[in-house]
C-alpha cells in the first residue's frame, strides 16, 4: 500500500515538473491549479461516495505515469498537434496499467 502512495506522489511530482517547465501563457495557471487540486479531489470524492481510496490511488498513479510516458515527460504535448493519438495512447496505457496493478495489489 505504501508503495502505491509513493508511486502516486512521485508521478504527481513528475507531471507537475513537466507542467511547470512546459506550459507558458494564460493556460499555465489553471493547469497548475487543477493538477494541484487533483489528489485532494480524489480523496474527497472517494470519501463522499464511500468507495475505497486505494482503487482511486492506483488509477491516479497509473494516469500520471502513463501521461508522462506517452508525452515524453512533457504533458503539454497532450494538447499539441497530434494530441488525439496521444490521448488515445494515454487512455489505453492507463487502463492497462490500472488493471495490471489492481490485480497485483488486490489479488483479484
C-alpha atoms as a PDB file:
ATOM      1  CA  UNK A   1       0.000   0.000   0.000  1.00  0.00           C
ATOM      2  CA  UNK A   2       2.785   2.425   0.863  1.00  0.00           C
ATOM      3  CA  UNK A   3       4.459   1.713  -2.469  1.00  0.00           C
ATOM      4  CA  UNK A   4       1.263   2.712  -4.298  1.00  0.00           C
ATOM      5  CA  UNK A   5       1.150   6.035  -2.418  1.00  0.00           C
ATOM      6  CA  UNK A   6       4.856   6.636  -3.141  1.00  0.00           C
ATOM      7  CA  UNK A   7       4.391   5.887  -6.844  1.00  0.00           C
ATOM      8  CA  UNK A   8       1.335   8.150  -6.930  1.00  0.00           C
ATOM      9  CA  UNK A   9       3.183  11.019  -5.246  1.00  0.00           C
ATOM     10  CA  UNK A  10       6.217  10.575  -7.495  1.00  0.00           C
ATOM     11  CA  UNK A  11       4.021  10.520 -10.617  1.00  0.00           C
ATOM     12  CA  UNK A  12       2.249  13.644  -9.420  1.00  0.00           C
ATOM     13  CA  UNK A  13       5.600  15.359  -8.969  1.00  0.00           C
ATOM     14  CA  UNK A  14       6.848  14.304 -12.406  1.00  0.00           C
ATOM     15  CA  UNK A  15       3.731  15.696 -14.096  1.00  0.00           C
ATOM     16  CA  UNK A  16       3.933  18.882 -12.010  1.00  0.00           C
ATOM     17  CA  UNK A  17       7.533  19.407 -13.068  1.00  0.00           C
ATOM     18  CA  UNK A  18       6.571  18.845 -16.692  1.00  0.00           C
ATOM     19  CA  UNK A  19       3.707  21.321 -16.445  1.00  0.00           C
ATOM     20  CA  UNK A  20       5.867  23.963 -14.765  1.00  0.00           C
ATOM     21  CA  UNK A  21       8.606  23.526 -17.323  1.00  0.00           C
ATOM     22  CA  UNK A  22       6.481  23.222 -20.447  1.00  0.00           C
ATOM     23  CA  UNK A  23       3.470  25.497 -20.099  1.00  0.00           C
ATOM     24  CA  UNK A  24       3.610  29.209 -20.775  1.00  0.00           C
ATOM     25  CA  UNK A  25       0.927  31.814 -21.138  1.00  0.00           C
ATOM     26  CA  UNK A  26      -2.591  32.053 -19.755  1.00  0.00           C
ATOM     27  CA  UNK A  27      -3.172  28.278 -19.646  1.00  0.00           C
ATOM     28  CA  UNK A  28      -0.363  27.720 -17.125  1.00  0.00           C
ATOM     29  CA  UNK A  29      -2.218  28.943 -14.020  1.00  0.00           C
ATOM     30  CA  UNK A  30      -5.406  26.892 -14.463  1.00  0.00           C
ATOM     31  CA  UNK A  31      -3.417  23.774 -15.422  1.00  0.00           C
ATOM     32  CA  UNK A  32      -1.204  24.010 -12.338  1.00  0.00           C
ATOM     33  CA  UNK A  33      -4.202  24.699 -10.091  1.00  0.00           C
ATOM     34  CA  UNK A  34      -6.147  21.732 -11.470  1.00  0.00           C
ATOM     35  CA  UNK A  35      -3.152  19.441 -11.100  1.00  0.00           C
ATOM     36  CA  UNK A  36      -2.514  20.620  -7.542  1.00  0.00           C
ATOM     37  CA  UNK A  37      -6.153  20.103  -6.546  1.00  0.00           C
ATOM     38  CA  UNK A  38      -6.445  16.635  -8.132  1.00  0.00           C
ATOM     39  CA  UNK A  39      -5.176  14.498  -5.193  1.00  0.00           C
ATOM     40  CA  UNK A  40      -7.437  16.207  -2.666  1.00  0.00           C
ATOM     41  CA  UNK A  41     -10.356  15.916  -5.049  1.00  0.00           C
ATOM     42  CA  UNK A  42      -9.804  12.192  -5.483  1.00  0.00           C
ATOM     43  CA  UNK A  43      -9.596  11.563  -1.740  1.00  0.00           C
ATOM     44  CA  UNK A  44     -12.680  13.667  -1.060  1.00  0.00           C
ATOM     45  CA  UNK A  45     -14.653  12.009  -3.863  1.00  0.00           C
ATOM     46  CA  UNK A  46     -13.728   8.565  -2.555  1.00  0.00           C
ATOM     47  CA  UNK A  47     -14.914   9.565   0.910  1.00  0.00           C
ATOM     48  CA  UNK A  48     -18.111  11.090  -0.463  1.00  0.00           C
ATOM     49  CA  UNK A  49     -19.192   8.051  -2.443  1.00  0.00           C
ATOM     50  CA  UNK A  50     -17.909   5.575   0.127  1.00  0.00           C
ATOM     51  CA  UNK A  51     -15.556   3.801  -2.239  1.00  0.00           C
ATOM     52  CA  UNK A  52     -12.035   2.965  -1.108  1.00  0.00           C
ATOM     53  CA  UNK A  53      -9.317   5.409  -1.979  1.00  0.00           C
ATOM     54  CA  UNK A  54      -6.883   2.565  -2.755  1.00  0.00           C
ATOM     55  CA  UNK A  55      -8.641   1.925  -6.060  1.00  0.00           C
ATOM     56  CA  UNK A  56      -8.572   5.624  -6.896  1.00  0.00           C
ATOM     57  CA  UNK A  57      -4.920   5.913  -5.891  1.00  0.00           C
ATOM     58  CA  UNK A  58      -3.979   3.029  -8.183  1.00  0.00           C
ATOM     59  CA  UNK A  59      -5.842   4.658 -11.062  1.00  0.00           C
ATOM     60  CA  UNK A  60      -4.342   8.073 -10.332  1.00  0.00           C
ATOM     61  CA  UNK A  61      -0.784   6.729 -10.210  1.00  0.00           C
ATOM     62  CA  UNK A  62      -1.388   4.871 -13.467  1.00  0.00           C
ATOM     63  CA  UNK A  63      -2.739   8.031 -15.094  1.00  0.00           C
ATOM     64  CA  UNK A  64       0.208  10.201 -14.114  1.00  0.00           C
ATOM     65  CA  UNK A  65       2.880   7.721 -15.083  1.00  0.00           C
ATOM     66  CA  UNK A  66       1.109   6.858 -18.326  1.00  0.00           C
ATOM     67  CA  UNK A  67       0.791  10.549 -19.158  1.00  0.00           C
ATOM     68  CA  UNK A  68       4.497  11.027 -18.532  1.00  0.00           C
ATOM     69  CA  UNK A  69       5.455   8.071 -20.711  1.00  0.00           C
ATOM     70  CA  UNK A  70       3.104   8.919 -23.595  1.00  0.00           C
ATOM     71  CA  UNK A  71       4.114  12.582 -23.724  1.00  0.00           C
ATOM     72  CA  UNK A  72       7.818  12.027 -23.142  1.00  0.00           C
ATOM     73  CA  UNK A  73       7.646  13.755 -19.739  1.00  0.00           C
ATOM     74  CA  UNK A  74       6.170  16.884 -21.363  1.00  0.00           C
ATOM     75  CA  UNK A  75       2.442  16.894 -20.504  1.00  0.00           C
ATOM     76  CA  UNK A  76       1.809  19.947 -22.707  1.00  0.00           C
ATOM     77  CA  UNK A  77       2.291  17.641 -25.707  1.00  0.00           C
ATOM     78  CA  UNK A  78      -1.066  16.046 -24.931  1.00  0.00           C
ATOM     79  CA  UNK A  79      -2.862  19.051 -26.400  1.00  0.00           C
ATOM     80  CA  UNK A  80      -0.252  19.886 -29.029  1.00  0.00           C
ATOM     81  CA  UNK A  81      -0.529  18.843 -32.680  1.00  0.00           C
ATOM     82  CA  UNK A  82      -1.423  15.175 -32.949  1.00  0.00           C
ATOM     83  CA  UNK A  83      -2.883  15.248 -29.460  1.00  0.00           C
ATOM     84  CA  UNK A  84      -5.751  12.901 -30.292  1.00  0.00           C
ATOM     85  CA  UNK A  85      -3.381   9.981 -30.915  1.00  0.00           C
ATOM     86  CA  UNK A  86      -1.525  10.719 -27.692  1.00  0.00           C
ATOM     87  CA  UNK A  87      -4.811  10.980 -25.826  1.00  0.00           C
ATOM     88  CA  UNK A  88      -5.887   7.551 -27.081  1.00  0.00           C
ATOM     89  CA  UNK A  89      -2.492   6.075 -26.185  1.00  0.00           C
ATOM     90  CA  UNK A  90      -2.676   7.655 -22.744  1.00  0.00           C
ATOM     91  CA  UNK A  91      -6.148   6.236 -22.085  1.00  0.00           C
ATOM     92  CA  UNK A  92      -5.221   2.745 -23.285  1.00  0.00           C
ATOM     93  CA  UNK A  93      -1.977   2.669 -21.317  1.00  0.00           C
ATOM     94  CA  UNK A  94      -3.736   3.979 -18.211  1.00  0.00           C
ATOM     95  CA  UNK A  95      -6.413   1.291 -18.455  1.00  0.00           C
ATOM     96  CA  UNK A  96      -3.822  -1.449 -18.909  1.00  0.00           C
ATOM     97  CA  UNK A  97      -1.585  -0.276 -16.062  1.00  0.00           C
ATOM     98  CA  UNK A  98      -4.573   0.222 -13.743  1.00  0.00           C
ATOM     99  CA  UNK A  99      -5.847  -3.277 -14.494  1.00  0.00           C
ATOM    100  CA  UNK A 100      -2.477  -4.982 -14.004  1.00  0.00           C
ATOM    101  CA  UNK A 101      -1.602  -3.017 -10.874  1.00  0.00           C
ATOM    102  CA  UNK A 102      -5.049  -3.608  -9.411  1.00  0.00           C
ATOM    103  CA  UNK A 103      -4.697  -7.340  -9.975  1.00  0.00           C
ATOM    104  CA  UNK A 104      -1.239  -7.378  -8.387  1.00  0.00           C
ATOM    105  CA  UNK A 105      -2.110  -5.250  -5.369  1.00  0.00           C
ATOM    106  CA  UNK A 106      -5.614  -6.507  -4.695  1.00  0.00           C
ATOM    107  CA  UNK A 107      -5.010 -10.104  -5.738  1.00  0.00           C
ATOM    108  CA  UNK A 108      -8.193 -10.357  -7.772  1.00  0.00           C
END
